[in-house]
Amino acid sequence: MGVLSTPLIDEARAIFSGLGYEVEAVGNELRAERKWRIVYVTTEGPGTVPDDVDLRCFVADTDRAPEVRDELLGLAPDYDWAVMSVGDDGDYEVLHPEASEGLPS
């Protein structure tokens, strides 16, 4: 039997919950809220999501995350964003638009 992996959106839910966010599903995204901050979390590509929110986190596997970050840098959306790079072991890095390298979790 092959190894079953957890879907990225479920990994993101666990990570944000672990950081103290209240997380709820909103369509195919997550809405993560903590204090005054609301972050919309998605595994969709940057060109496929609405831009009507202030904070957005794009979740991608480790191999794809730099590509998603580069795409966002090229699009220069009007919202604040970060890319969460999630590895097979559940470890993650957050790639911010200003950083040339990912920040360790």
N, C-alpha and C. Protein backbone atom coordinates (compact mmCIF):
# COMPACT_ATOMS: atom_id res chain seq x y z
N MET A 1 0.85 -1.18 0.00
CA MET A 1 0.00 0.00 0.00
C MET A 1 0.89 1.24 0.00
N GLY A 2 0.55 2.25 -0.80
CA GLY A 2 1.33 3.49 -0.88
C GLY A 2 1.09 4.38 0.32
N VAL A 3 1.94 5.37 0.44
CA VAL A 3 1.83 6.33 1.53
C VAL A 3 0.72 7.32 1.20
N LEU A 4 -0.18 7.53 2.15
CA LEU A 4 -1.24 8.51 1.95
C LEU A 4 -0.77 9.84 2.50
N SER A 5 -0.91 10.89 1.72
CA SER A 5 -0.49 12.20 2.20
C SER A 5 -1.72 13.04 2.53
N THR A 6 -1.53 13.96 3.45
CA THR A 6 -2.61 14.86 3.85
C THR A 6 -2.73 15.95 2.80
N PRO A 7 -3.95 16.26 2.35
CA PRO A 7 -4.11 17.36 1.39
C PRO A 7 -3.55 18.67 1.95
N LEU A 8 -3.00 19.49 1.08
CA LEU A 8 -2.38 20.75 1.50
C LEU A 8 -3.32 21.63 2.32
N ILE A 9 -4.58 21.70 1.94
CA ILE A 9 -5.51 22.57 2.66
C ILE A 9 -5.70 22.07 4.10
N ASP A 10 -5.64 20.76 4.30
CA ASP A 10 -5.74 20.21 5.64
C ASP A 10 -4.47 20.49 6.44
N GLU A 11 -3.32 20.43 5.77
CA GLU A 11 -2.06 20.80 6.42
C GLU A 11 -2.12 22.27 6.85
N ALA A 12 -2.63 23.13 5.97
CA ALA A 12 -2.74 24.55 6.28
C ALA A 12 -3.67 24.78 7.47
N ARG A 13 -4.78 24.06 7.50
CA ARG A 13 -5.72 24.17 8.64
C ARG A 13 -4.99 23.84 9.94
N ALA A 14 -4.24 22.74 9.95
CA ALA A 14 -3.53 22.32 11.16
C ALA A 14 -2.47 23.35 11.56
N ILE A 15 -1.77 23.90 10.59
CA ILE A 15 -0.72 24.89 10.88
C ILE A 15 -1.33 26.15 11.47
N PHE A 16 -2.35 26.70 10.81
CA PHE A 16 -2.98 27.92 11.31
C PHE A 16 -3.65 27.69 12.67
N SER A 17 -4.28 26.54 12.86
CA SER A 17 -4.87 26.23 14.17
C SER A 17 -3.79 26.16 15.24
N GLY A 18 -2.67 25.56 14.91
CA GLY A 18 -1.55 25.47 15.83
C GLY A 18 -0.97 26.83 16.19
N LEU A 19 -1.14 27.80 15.31
CA LEU A 19 -0.66 29.16 15.57
C LEU A 19 -1.69 30.00 16.33
N GLY A 20 -2.81 29.38 16.70
CA GLY A 20 -3.81 30.08 17.49
C GLY A 20 -4.91 30.75 16.70
N TYR A 21 -5.01 30.48 15.41
CA TYR A 21 -6.08 31.04 14.59
C TYR A 21 -7.33 30.19 14.72
N GLU A 22 -8.49 30.82 14.67
CA GLU A 22 -9.75 30.11 14.51
C GLU A 22 -9.92 29.93 13.01
N VAL A 23 -10.10 28.69 12.59
CA VAL A 23 -10.11 28.39 11.16
C VAL A 23 -11.47 27.80 10.78
N GLU A 24 -12.03 28.32 9.67
CA GLU A 24 -13.27 27.77 9.15
C GLU A 24 -13.17 27.68 7.63
N ALA A 25 -13.87 26.70 7.08
CA ALA A 25 -13.91 26.54 5.63
C ALA A 25 -14.87 27.56 5.04
N VAL A 26 -14.43 28.17 3.93
CA VAL A 26 -15.26 29.11 3.17
C VAL A 26 -15.11 28.69 1.71
N GLY A 27 -16.06 27.92 1.23
CA GLY A 27 -15.92 27.38 -0.12
C GLY A 27 -14.73 26.45 -0.18
N ASN A 28 -13.83 26.66 -1.12
CA ASN A 28 -12.64 25.82 -1.22
C ASN A 28 -11.42 26.47 -0.56
N GLU A 29 -11.66 27.50 0.25
CA GLU A 29 -10.60 28.18 0.98
C GLU A 29 -10.81 28.03 2.47
N LEU A 30 -9.86 28.56 3.23
CA LEU A 30 -10.00 28.65 4.67
C LEU A 30 -10.00 30.12 5.06
N ARG A 31 -10.73 30.43 6.10
CA ARG A 31 -10.72 31.77 6.70
C ARG A 31 -10.12 31.59 8.07
N ALA A 32 -8.93 32.15 8.28
CA ALA A 32 -8.21 32.02 9.55
C ALA A 32 -8.23 33.38 10.25
N GLU A 33 -8.75 33.40 11.49
CA GLU A 33 -8.88 34.66 12.22
C GLU A 33 -8.20 34.57 13.58
N ARG A 34 -7.47 35.61 13.91
CA ARG A 34 -6.81 35.72 15.20
C ARG A 34 -6.70 37.19 15.53
N LYS A 35 -7.27 37.58 16.67
CA LYS A 35 -7.34 38.98 17.07
C LYS A 35 -7.98 39.77 15.94
N TRP A 36 -7.33 40.76 15.43
CA TRP A 36 -7.87 41.62 14.38
C TRP A 36 -7.57 41.11 12.98
N ARG A 37 -6.74 40.08 12.87
CA ARG A 37 -6.25 39.64 11.56
C ARG A 37 -7.08 38.51 10.99
N ILE A 38 -7.50 38.69 9.73
CA ILE A 38 -8.19 37.64 9.00
C ILE A 38 -7.37 37.33 7.75
N VAL A 39 -7.00 36.07 7.61
CA VAL A 39 -6.20 35.61 6.48
C VAL A 39 -7.03 34.59 5.70
N TYR A 40 -7.13 34.79 4.40
CA TYR A 40 -7.77 33.80 3.54
C TYR A 40 -6.69 32.89 2.99
N VAL A 41 -6.87 31.60 3.16
CA VAL A 41 -5.87 30.59 2.85
C VAL A 41 -6.38 29.74 1.70
N THR A 42 -5.55 29.57 0.68
CA THR A 42 -5.97 28.81 -0.50
C THR A 42 -4.83 27.98 -1.06
N THR A 43 -5.19 26.93 -1.78
CA THR A 43 -4.21 26.15 -2.52
C THR A 43 -4.33 26.44 -4.02
N GLU A 44 -5.23 27.35 -4.37
CA GLU A 44 -5.40 27.76 -5.76
C GLU A 44 -4.23 28.65 -6.19
N GLY A 45 -4.04 28.78 -7.49
CA GLY A 45 -3.00 29.67 -8.00
C GLY A 45 -3.42 31.12 -7.88
N PRO A 46 -2.45 32.03 -7.85
CA PRO A 46 -2.74 33.45 -7.66
C PRO A 46 -3.68 34.05 -8.70
N GLY A 47 -3.61 33.59 -9.91
CA GLY A 47 -4.46 34.14 -10.97
C GLY A 47 -5.90 33.66 -10.93
N THR A 48 -6.20 32.73 -10.03
CA THR A 48 -7.54 32.14 -10.01
C THR A 48 -8.37 32.55 -8.80
N VAL A 49 -7.83 33.39 -7.93
CA VAL A 49 -8.56 33.75 -6.71
C VAL A 49 -8.98 35.21 -6.76
N PRO A 50 -10.11 35.53 -6.13
CA PRO A 50 -10.54 36.93 -6.09
C PRO A 50 -9.55 37.78 -5.28
N ASP A 51 -9.48 39.05 -5.60
CA ASP A 51 -8.54 39.93 -4.90
C ASP A 51 -9.28 40.91 -3.99
N ASP A 52 -10.40 40.47 -3.43
CA ASP A 52 -11.21 41.36 -2.61
C ASP A 52 -10.96 41.19 -1.10
N VAL A 53 -9.78 40.71 -0.74
CA VAL A 53 -9.41 40.56 0.67
C VAL A 53 -8.09 41.28 0.92
N ASP A 54 -7.79 41.56 2.18
CA ASP A 54 -6.55 42.27 2.52
C ASP A 54 -5.35 41.36 2.71
N LEU A 55 -5.57 40.17 3.28
CA LEU A 55 -4.49 39.24 3.56
C LEU A 55 -4.79 37.87 2.96
N ARG A 56 -3.83 37.34 2.22
CA ARG A 56 -4.03 36.04 1.57
C ARG A 56 -2.77 35.20 1.71
N CYS A 57 -2.97 33.93 2.01
CA CYS A 57 -1.86 32.98 2.10
C CYS A 57 -2.08 31.88 1.06
N PHE A 58 -1.11 31.70 0.21
CA PHE A 58 -1.15 30.66 -0.81
C PHE A 58 -0.33 29.48 -0.31
N VAL A 59 -0.93 28.31 -0.26
CA VAL A 59 -0.28 27.11 0.23
C VAL A 59 0.12 26.25 -0.95
N ALA A 60 1.40 25.86 -0.97
CA ALA A 60 1.90 25.03 -2.06
C ALA A 60 2.92 24.06 -1.51
N ASP A 61 3.14 22.96 -2.24
CA ASP A 61 4.17 22.04 -1.78
C ASP A 61 5.54 22.68 -2.02
N THR A 62 6.53 22.12 -1.40
CA THR A 62 7.88 22.71 -1.40
C THR A 62 8.41 22.95 -2.81
N ASP A 63 8.12 22.04 -3.73
CA ASP A 63 8.62 22.19 -5.10
C ASP A 63 7.95 23.33 -5.85
N ARG A 64 6.68 23.58 -5.56
CA ARG A 64 5.91 24.58 -6.32
C ARG A 64 5.92 25.98 -5.68
N ALA A 65 6.21 26.08 -4.40
CA ALA A 65 6.10 27.35 -3.67
C ALA A 65 6.92 28.49 -4.29
N PRO A 66 8.18 28.29 -4.67
CA PRO A 66 8.93 29.40 -5.29
C PRO A 66 8.28 29.91 -6.57
N GLU A 67 7.70 29.00 -7.35
CA GLU A 67 7.00 29.39 -8.58
C GLU A 67 5.78 30.26 -8.26
N VAL A 68 5.03 29.88 -7.23
CA VAL A 68 3.86 30.67 -6.82
C VAL A 68 4.31 32.05 -6.35
N ARG A 69 5.38 32.10 -5.55
CA ARG A 69 5.91 33.39 -5.09
C ARG A 69 6.32 34.27 -6.27
N ASP A 70 7.03 33.70 -7.24
CA ASP A 70 7.45 34.46 -8.42
C ASP A 70 6.25 34.97 -9.22
N GLU A 71 5.22 34.13 -9.33
CA GLU A 71 4.00 34.54 -10.04
C GLU A 71 3.36 35.74 -9.34
N LEU A 72 3.28 35.67 -8.00
CA LEU A 72 2.70 36.78 -7.24
C LEU A 72 3.55 38.05 -7.37
N LEU A 73 4.85 37.91 -7.36
CA LEU A 73 5.71 39.09 -7.54
C LEU A 73 5.45 39.73 -8.90
N GLY A 74 5.23 38.91 -9.93
CA GLY A 74 4.93 39.43 -11.26
C GLY A 74 3.56 40.08 -11.35
N LEU A 75 2.58 39.52 -10.65
CA LEU A 75 1.23 40.07 -10.67
C LEU A 75 1.09 41.34 -9.83
N ALA A 76 1.90 41.44 -8.78
CA ALA A 76 1.85 42.58 -7.85
C ALA A 76 0.41 42.91 -7.42
N PRO A 77 -0.28 41.95 -6.78
CA PRO A 77 -1.67 42.20 -6.39
C PRO A 77 -1.78 43.30 -5.33
N ASP A 78 -2.98 43.83 -5.18
CA ASP A 78 -3.23 44.93 -4.25
C ASP A 78 -3.41 44.48 -2.81
N TYR A 79 -3.31 43.20 -2.53
CA TYR A 79 -3.46 42.68 -1.17
C TYR A 79 -2.10 42.20 -0.65
N ASP A 80 -1.99 42.10 0.68
CA ASP A 80 -0.80 41.52 1.30
C ASP A 80 -0.88 40.01 1.15
N TRP A 81 0.26 39.39 0.90
CA TRP A 81 0.27 37.95 0.67
C TRP A 81 1.54 37.32 1.18
N ALA A 82 1.47 36.01 1.33
CA ALA A 82 2.64 35.18 1.63
C ALA A 82 2.35 33.81 1.01
N VAL A 83 3.41 33.07 0.80
CA VAL A 83 3.28 31.70 0.30
C VAL A 83 3.78 30.77 1.39
N MET A 84 2.98 29.79 1.73
CA MET A 84 3.37 28.79 2.71
C MET A 84 3.83 27.55 1.95
N SER A 85 5.11 27.24 2.09
CA SER A 85 5.70 26.08 1.45
C SER A 85 5.64 24.92 2.44
N VAL A 86 4.88 23.88 2.10
CA VAL A 86 4.67 22.75 3.02
C VAL A 86 5.37 21.52 2.48
N GLY A 87 6.21 20.93 3.33
CA GLY A 87 6.94 19.72 2.95
C GLY A 87 6.15 18.46 3.24
N ASP A 88 6.64 17.34 2.75
CA ASP A 88 5.97 16.05 2.95
C ASP A 88 5.85 15.68 4.42
N ASP A 89 6.75 16.19 5.24
CA ASP A 89 6.74 15.86 6.67
C ASP A 89 5.90 16.84 7.49
N GLY A 90 5.23 17.79 6.82
CA GLY A 90 4.39 18.75 7.53
C GLY A 90 5.13 20.00 7.96
N ASP A 91 6.47 20.01 7.82
CA ASP A 91 7.22 21.23 8.10
C ASP A 91 6.89 22.27 7.05
N TYR A 92 7.03 23.53 7.43
CA TYR A 92 6.69 24.58 6.48
C TYR A 92 7.63 25.77 6.61
N GLU A 93 7.66 26.56 5.55
CA GLU A 93 8.35 27.84 5.50
C GLU A 93 7.37 28.86 4.96
N VAL A 94 7.53 30.10 5.34
CA VAL A 94 6.69 31.16 4.81
C VAL A 94 7.56 32.04 3.92
N LEU A 95 7.14 32.18 2.67
CA LEU A 95 7.86 33.00 1.69
C LEU A 95 7.12 34.32 1.55
N HIS A 96 7.73 35.37 2.07
CA HIS A 96 7.13 36.71 2.00
C HIS A 96 7.56 37.42 0.73
N PRO A 97 6.82 38.41 0.29
CA PRO A 97 7.20 39.10 -0.95
C PRO A 97 8.52 39.86 -0.83
N GLU A 98 8.86 40.37 0.34
CA GLU A 98 10.09 41.16 0.49
C GLU A 98 11.33 40.31 0.67
N ALA A 99 11.15 39.06 1.07
CA ALA A 99 12.30 38.21 1.40
C ALA A 99 12.82 37.50 0.15
N SER A 100 14.12 37.41 0.07
CA SER A 100 14.69 36.67 -1.04
C SER A 100 14.73 35.18 -0.73
N GLU A 101 14.64 34.82 0.53
CA GLU A 101 14.64 33.44 0.97
C GLU A 101 13.43 33.23 1.88
N GLY A 102 12.99 32.02 2.01
CA GLY A 102 11.91 31.69 2.93
C GLY A 102 12.36 31.83 4.37
N LEU A 103 11.44 32.11 5.24
CA LEU A 103 11.72 32.19 6.66
C LEU A 103 11.36 30.87 7.31
N PRO A 104 12.20 30.34 8.17
CA PRO A 104 11.85 29.08 8.81
C PRO A 104 10.63 29.23 9.70
N SER A 105 9.88 28.16 9.82
CA SER A 105 8.68 28.19 10.66
C SER A 105 9.04 28.15 12.14
